Structure formats: C-alpha cells, structure tokens
Amino acid sequence: NGHAFDWSLLAGAGRDSPFMLSGGLTPE
C-alpha cells in the first residue's frame, strides 16, 4: 500500500534478529 510504519519500534533490533523490513520503503 506504500505506507511506512514507525521504524523506531524496531530501533536496532536487526543486529540480533533476522527479520525482513517492508512497508513504504523507497530508494529515497
């Protein structure tokens, strides 16, 4: 749908967790 969510909910979580991030991402 082209919408992002509040990425701060996942602040730094990717250092330990193998999730994939989606939602409103763009080259910018």
PDB file of all heavy atoms in Angstrom:
ATOM      1  N   ASN A   1       0.802  -1.223   0.000  1.00  0.00           N
ATOM      2  CA  ASN A   1       0.000   0.000   0.000  1.00  0.00           C
ATOM      3  C   ASN A   1       0.836   1.275   0.000  1.00  0.00           C
ATOM      4  O   ASN A   1       0.292   2.377  -0.035  1.00  0.00           O
ATOM      5  CB  ASN A   1      -0.933   0.001   1.212  1.00  0.00           C
ATOM      6  CG  ASN A   1      -1.975  -1.103   1.132  1.00  0.00           C
ATOM      7  OD1 ASN A   1      -2.769  -1.136   0.202  1.00  0.00           O
ATOM      8  ND2 ASN A   1      -1.968  -2.010   2.104  1.00  0.00           N
ATOM      9  N   GLY A   2       2.145   1.132   0.086  1.00  0.00           N
ATOM     10  CA  GLY A   2       3.024   2.291   0.033  1.00  0.00           C
ATOM     11  C   GLY A   2       3.139   3.067   1.323  1.00  0.00           C
ATOM     12  O   GLY A   2       3.619   4.204   1.324  1.00  0.00           O
ATOM     13  N   HIS A   3       2.726   2.475   2.438  1.00  0.00           N
ATOM     14  CA  HIS A   3       2.779   3.169   3.725  1.00  0.00           C
ATOM     15  C   HIS A   3       3.889   2.594   4.590  1.00  0.00           C
ATOM     16  O   HIS A   3       4.091   1.375   4.630  1.00  0.00           O
ATOM     17  CB  HIS A   3       1.452   3.040   4.463  1.00  0.00           C
ATOM     18  CG  HIS A   3       0.280   3.558   3.698  1.00  0.00           C
ATOM     19  ND1 HIS A   3       0.221   4.837   3.190  1.00  0.00           N
ATOM     20  CD2 HIS A   3      -0.879   2.957   3.316  1.00  0.00           C
ATOM     21  CE1 HIS A   3      -0.912   5.022   2.551  1.00  0.00           C
ATOM     22  NE2 HIS A   3      -1.603   3.893   2.600  1.00  0.00           N
ATOM     23  N   ALA A   4       4.591   3.464   5.301  1.00  0.00           N
ATOM     24  CA  ALA A   4       5.608   3.040   6.260  1.00  0.00           C
ATOM     25  C   ALA A   4       5.013   3.058   7.656  1.00  0.00           C
ATOM     26  O   ALA A   4       3.992   3.695   7.907  1.00  0.00           O
ATOM     27  CB  ALA A   4       6.817   3.973   6.185  1.00  0.00           C
ATOM     28  N   PHE A   5       5.656   2.341   8.580  1.00  0.00           N
ATOM     29  CA  PHE A   5       5.274   2.434   9.983  1.00  0.00           C
ATOM     30  C   PHE A   5       6.411   3.086  10.755  1.00  0.00           C
ATOM     31  O   PHE A   5       7.432   3.461  10.168  1.00  0.00           O
ATOM     32  CB  PHE A   5       4.894   1.061  10.553  1.00  0.00           C
ATOM     33  CG  PHE A   5       6.023   0.045  10.563  1.00  0.00           C
ATOM     34  CD1 PHE A   5       6.822  -0.121  11.686  1.00  0.00           C
ATOM     35  CD2 PHE A   5       6.257  -0.772   9.458  1.00  0.00           C
ATOM     36  CE1 PHE A   5       7.845  -1.060  11.709  1.00  0.00           C
ATOM     37  CE2 PHE A   5       7.271  -1.724   9.476  1.00  0.00           C
ATOM     38  CZ  PHE A   5       8.070  -1.853  10.594  1.00  0.00           C
ATOM     39  N   ASP A   6       6.223   3.242  12.028  1.00  0.00           N
ATOM     40  CA  ASP A   6       7.222   3.906  12.872  1.00  0.00           C
ATOM     41  C   ASP A   6       8.414   2.976  13.071  1.00  0.00           C
ATOM     42  O   ASP A   6       8.373   2.055  13.886  1.00  0.00           O
ATOM     43  CB  ASP A   6       6.590   4.267  14.215  1.00  0.00           C
ATOM     44  CG  ASP A   6       7.546   5.002  15.139  1.00  0.00           C
ATOM     45  OD1 ASP A   6       8.713   5.247  14.745  1.00  0.00           O
ATOM     46  OD2 ASP A   6       7.140   5.318  16.281  1.00  0.00           O
ATOM     47  N   TRP A   7       9.493   3.219  12.313  1.00  0.00           N
ATOM     48  CA  TRP A   7      10.652   2.337  12.380  1.00  0.00           C
ATOM     49  C   TRP A   7      11.314   2.335  13.754  1.00  0.00           C
ATOM     50  O   TRP A   7      12.008   1.372  14.096  1.00  0.00           O
ATOM     51  CB  TRP A   7      11.674   2.751  11.323  1.00  0.00           C
ATOM     52  CG  TRP A   7      11.165   2.636   9.928  1.00  0.00           C
ATOM     53  CD1 TRP A   7      10.343   1.670   9.414  1.00  0.00           C
ATOM     54  CD2 TRP A   7      11.439   3.533   8.843  1.00  0.00           C
ATOM     55  NE1 TRP A   7      10.086   1.905   8.092  1.00  0.00           N
ATOM     56  CE2 TRP A   7      10.745   3.033   7.699  1.00  0.00           C
ATOM     57  CE3 TRP A   7      12.198   4.695   8.717  1.00  0.00           C
ATOM     58  CZ2 TRP A   7      10.801   3.669   6.459  1.00  0.00           C
ATOM     59  CZ3 TRP A   7      12.245   5.336   7.486  1.00  0.00           C
ATOM     60  CH2 TRP A   7      11.558   4.826   6.378  1.00  0.00           C
ATOM     61  N   SER A   8      11.091   3.362  14.553  1.00  0.00           N
ATOM     62  CA  SER A   8      11.716   3.391  15.883  1.00  0.00           C
ATOM     63  C   SER A   8      11.211   2.257  16.768  1.00  0.00           C
ATOM     64  O   SER A   8      11.863   1.911  17.757  1.00  0.00           O
ATOM     65  CB  SER A   8      11.475   4.736  16.566  1.00  0.00           C
ATOM     66  OG  SER A   8      10.111   4.901  16.910  1.00  0.00           O
ATOM     67  N   LEU A   9      10.075   1.653  16.412  1.00  0.00           N
ATOM     68  CA  LEU A   9       9.597   0.496  17.165  1.00  0.00           C
ATOM     69  C   LEU A   9      10.577  -0.669  17.074  1.00  0.00           C
ATOM     70  O   LEU A   9      10.589  -1.551  17.935  1.00  0.00           O
ATOM     71  CB  LEU A   9       8.226   0.050  16.634  1.00  0.00           C
ATOM     72  CG  LEU A   9       7.065   1.010  16.846  1.00  0.00           C
ATOM     73  CD1 LEU A   9       5.848   0.553  16.047  1.00  0.00           C
ATOM     74  CD2 LEU A   9       6.725   1.113  18.326  1.00  0.00           C
ATOM     75  N   LEU A  10      11.387  -0.655  16.031  1.00  0.00           N
ATOM     76  CA  LEU A  10      12.374  -1.722  15.812  1.00  0.00           C
ATOM     77  C   LEU A  10      13.801  -1.196  15.965  1.00  0.00           C
ATOM     78  O   LEU A  10      14.728  -1.782  15.427  1.00  0.00           O
ATOM     79  CB  LEU A  10      12.205  -2.301  14.403  1.00  0.00           C
ATOM     80  CG  LEU A  10      10.948  -3.116  14.151  1.00  0.00           C
ATOM     81  CD1 LEU A  10      10.783  -3.381  12.656  1.00  0.00           C
ATOM     82  CD2 LEU A  10      10.997  -4.426  14.906  1.00  0.00           C
ATOM     83  N   ALA A  11      13.974  -0.139  16.707  1.00  0.00           N
ATOM     84  CA  ALA A  11      15.287   0.511  16.808  1.00  0.00           C
ATOM     85  C   ALA A  11      16.376  -0.488  17.174  1.00  0.00           C
ATOM     86  O   ALA A  11      16.364  -1.088  18.251  1.00  0.00           O
ATOM     87  CB  ALA A  11      15.235   1.630  17.841  1.00  0.00           C
ATOM     88  N   GLY A  12      17.327  -0.685  16.245  1.00  0.00           N
ATOM     89  CA  GLY A  12      18.478  -1.546  16.481  1.00  0.00           C
ATOM     90  C   GLY A  12      18.195  -3.023  16.526  1.00  0.00           C
ATOM     91  O   GLY A  12      19.122  -3.825  16.685  1.00  0.00           O
ATOM     92  N   ALA A  13      16.939  -3.438  16.368  1.00  0.00           N
ATOM     93  CA  ALA A  13      16.582  -4.844  16.560  1.00  0.00           C
ATOM     94  C   ALA A  13      17.237  -5.765  15.547  1.00  0.00           C
ATOM     95  O   ALA A  13      17.471  -6.944  15.824  1.00  0.00           O
ATOM     96  CB  ALA A  13      15.065  -5.009  16.505  1.00  0.00           C
ATOM     97  N   GLY A  14      17.556  -5.245  14.367  1.00  0.00           N
ATOM     98  CA  GLY A  14      18.129  -6.083  13.335  1.00  0.00           C
ATOM     99  C   GLY A  14      19.515  -6.612  13.642  1.00  0.00           C
ATOM    100  O   GLY A  14      19.980  -7.542  12.976  1.00  0.00           O
ATOM    101  N   ARG A  15      20.183  -6.060  14.640  1.00  0.00           N
ATOM    102  CA  ARG A  15      21.511  -6.567  14.989  1.00  0.00           C
ATOM    103  C   ARG A  15      21.434  -7.988  15.525  1.00  0.00           C
ATOM    104  O   ARG A  15      22.405  -8.744  15.457  1.00  0.00           O
ATOM    105  CB  ARG A  15      22.170  -5.648  16.016  1.00  0.00           C
ATOM    106  CG  ARG A  15      22.454  -4.246  15.492  1.00  0.00           C
ATOM    107  CD  ARG A  15      23.255  -3.421  16.483  1.00  0.00           C
ATOM    108  NE  ARG A  15      23.432  -2.070  15.985  1.00  0.00           N
ATOM    109  CZ  ARG A  15      22.636  -1.053  16.280  1.00  0.00           C
ATOM    110  NH1 ARG A  15      21.598  -1.244  17.090  1.00  0.00           N
ATOM    111  NH2 ARG A  15      22.848   0.144  15.785  1.00  0.00           N
ATOM    112  N   ASP A  16      20.319  -8.358  16.115  1.00  0.00           N
ATOM    113  CA  ASP A  16      20.182  -9.674  16.718  1.00  0.00           C
ATOM    114  C   ASP A  16      19.090 -10.527  16.104  1.00  0.00           C
ATOM    115  O   ASP A  16      18.974 -11.707  16.439  1.00  0.00           O
ATOM    116  CB  ASP A  16      19.872  -9.526  18.220  1.00  0.00           C
ATOM    117  CG  ASP A  16      20.948  -8.763  18.956  1.00  0.00           C
ATOM    118  OD1 ASP A  16      22.120  -9.150  18.848  1.00  0.00           O
ATOM    119  OD2 ASP A  16      20.607  -7.761  19.620  1.00  0.00           O
ATOM    120  N   SER A  17      18.277  -9.953  15.223  1.00  0.00           N
ATOM    121  CA  SER A  17      17.084 -10.655  14.759  1.00  0.00           C
ATOM    122  C   SER A  17      17.008 -10.646  13.238  1.00  0.00           C
ATOM    123  O   SER A  17      17.179  -9.602  12.619  1.00  0.00           O
ATOM    124  CB  SER A  17      15.833  -9.980  15.331  1.00  0.00           C
ATOM    125  OG  SER A  17      15.949  -9.835  16.734  1.00  0.00           O
ATOM    126  N   PRO A  18      16.718 -11.789  12.624  1.00  0.00           N
ATOM    127  CA  PRO A  18      16.724 -11.901  11.169  1.00  0.00           C
ATOM    128  C   PRO A  18      15.393 -11.566  10.513  1.00  0.00           C
ATOM    129  O   PRO A  18      14.915 -12.298   9.668  1.00  0.00           O
ATOM    130  CB  PRO A  18      17.076 -13.371  10.962  1.00  0.00           C
ATOM    131  CG  PRO A  18      16.428 -14.050  12.124  1.00  0.00           C
ATOM    132  CD  PRO A  18      16.577 -13.100  13.286  1.00  0.00           C
ATOM    133  N   PHE A  19      14.785 -10.455  10.890  1.00  0.00           N
ATOM    134  CA  PHE A  19      13.529 -10.092  10.249  1.00  0.00           C
ATOM    135  C   PHE A  19      13.797  -9.376   8.927  1.00  0.00           C
ATOM    136  O   PHE A  19      14.898  -8.900   8.655  1.00  0.00           O
ATOM    137  CB  PHE A  19      12.669  -9.204  11.164  1.00  0.00           C
ATOM    138  CG  PHE A  19      13.291  -7.879  11.506  1.00  0.00           C
ATOM    139  CD1 PHE A  19      13.151  -6.790  10.653  1.00  0.00           C
ATOM    140  CD2 PHE A  19      14.018  -7.711  12.674  1.00  0.00           C
ATOM    141  CE1 PHE A  19      13.720  -5.560  10.962  1.00  0.00           C
ATOM    142  CE2 PHE A  19      14.588  -6.483  12.990  1.00  0.00           C
ATOM    143  CZ  PHE A  19      14.440  -5.408  12.137  1.00  0.00           C
ATOM    144  N   MET A  20      12.757  -9.299   8.112  1.00  0.00           N
ATOM    145  CA  MET A  20      12.808  -8.520   6.879  1.00  0.00           C
ATOM    146  C   MET A  20      11.916  -7.305   7.056  1.00  0.00           C
ATOM    147  O   MET A  20      10.807  -7.420   7.577  1.00  0.00           O
ATOM    148  CB  MET A  20      12.349  -9.363   5.679  1.00  0.00           C
ATOM    149  CG  MET A  20      12.379  -8.624   4.358  1.00  0.00           C
ATOM    150  SD  MET A  20      12.140  -9.730   2.922  1.00  0.00           S
ATOM    151  CE  MET A  20      13.810 -10.353   2.717  1.00  0.00           C
ATOM    152  N   LEU A  21      12.388  -6.148   6.637  1.00  0.00           N
ATOM    153  CA  LEU A  21      11.655  -4.900   6.804  1.00  0.00           C
ATOM    154  C   LEU A  21      10.968  -4.527   5.507  1.00  0.00           C
ATOM    155  O   LEU A  21      11.571  -4.546   4.434  1.00  0.00           O
ATOM    156  CB  LEU A  21      12.611  -3.784   7.220  1.00  0.00           C
ATOM    157  CG  LEU A  21      11.979  -2.413   7.514  1.00  0.00           C
ATOM    158  CD1 LEU A  21      11.063  -2.497   8.725  1.00  0.00           C
ATOM    159  CD2 LEU A  21      13.064  -1.367   7.728  1.00  0.00           C
ATOM    160  N   SER A  22       9.689  -4.157   5.622  1.00  0.00           N
ATOM    161  CA  SER A  22       8.909  -3.756   4.463  1.00  0.00           C
ATOM    162  C   SER A  22       7.998  -2.607   4.865  1.00  0.00           C
ATOM    163  O   SER A  22       8.024  -2.143   5.996  1.00  0.00           O
ATOM    164  CB  SER A  22       8.088  -4.952   3.947  1.00  0.00           C
ATOM    165  OG  SER A  22       7.455  -4.647   2.723  1.00  0.00           O
ATOM    166  N   GLY A  23       7.212  -2.145   3.900  1.00  0.00           N
ATOM    167  CA  GLY A  23       6.228  -1.106   4.206  1.00  0.00           C
ATOM    168  C   GLY A  23       6.692   0.287   3.826  1.00  0.00           C
ATOM    169  O   GLY A  23       7.381   0.955   4.595  1.00  0.00           O
ATOM    170  N   GLY A  24       6.336   0.738   2.638  1.00  0.00           N
ATOM    171  CA  GLY A  24       6.620   2.108   2.240  1.00  0.00           C
ATOM    172  C   GLY A  24       8.070   2.428   1.970  1.00  0.00           C
ATOM    173  O   GLY A  24       8.439   3.608   1.893  1.00  0.00           O
ATOM    174  N   LEU A  25       8.920   1.423   1.809  1.00  0.00           N
ATOM    175  CA  LEU A  25      10.328   1.689   1.510  1.00  0.00           C
ATOM    176  C   LEU A  25      10.471   2.163   0.073  1.00  0.00           C
ATOM    177  O   LEU A  25       9.757   1.707  -0.822  1.00  0.00           O
ATOM    178  CB  LEU A  25      11.161   0.428   1.726  1.00  0.00           C
ATOM    179  CG  LEU A  25      11.203  -0.120   3.154  1.00  0.00           C
ATOM    180  CD1 LEU A  25      12.004  -1.430   3.187  1.00  0.00           C
ATOM    181  CD2 LEU A  25      11.792   0.893   4.121  1.00  0.00           C
ATOM    182  N   THR A  26      11.416   3.060  -0.140  1.00  0.00           N
ATOM    183  CA  THR A  26      11.716   3.595  -1.466  1.00  0.00           C
ATOM    184  C   THR A  26      13.226   3.765  -1.593  1.00  0.00           C
ATOM    185  O   THR A  26      13.954   3.684  -0.595  1.00  0.00           O
ATOM    186  CB  THR A  26      11.059   4.974  -1.682  1.00  0.00           C
ATOM    187  OG1 THR A  26      11.719   5.936  -0.841  1.00  0.00           O
ATOM    188  CG2 THR A  26       9.562   4.950  -1.358  1.00  0.00           C
ATOM    189  N   PRO A  27      13.725   4.039  -2.798  1.00  0.00           N
ATOM    190  CA  PRO A  27      15.154   4.331  -2.917  1.00  0.00           C
ATOM    191  C   PRO A  27      15.577   5.523  -2.065  1.00  0.00           C
ATOM    192  O   PRO A  27      16.725   5.592  -1.610  1.00  0.00           O
ATOM    193  CB  PRO A  27      15.326   4.638  -4.409  1.00  0.00           C
ATOM    194  CG  PRO A  27      14.213   3.915  -5.076  1.00  0.00           C
ATOM    195  CD  PRO A  27      13.066   3.995  -4.121  1.00  0.00           C
ATOM    196  N   GLU A  28      14.633   6.441  -1.813  1.00  0.00           N
ATOM    197  CA  GLU A  28      14.953   7.648  -1.048  1.00  0.00           C
ATOM    198  C   GLU A  28      14.916   7.430   0.463  1.00  0.00           C
ATOM    199  O   GLU A  28      15.526   8.202   1.210  1.00  0.00           O
ATOM    200  CB  GLU A  28      13.960   8.756  -1.418  1.00  0.00           C
ATOM    201  CG  GLU A  28      14.038   9.232  -2.864  1.00  0.00           C
ATOM    202  CD  GLU A  28      13.351   8.303  -3.860  1.00  0.00           C
ATOM    203  OE1 GLU A  28      12.477   7.501  -3.448  1.00  0.00           O
ATOM    204  OE2 GLU A  28      13.702   8.374  -5.058  1.00  0.00           O
TER     205      GLU A  28
END
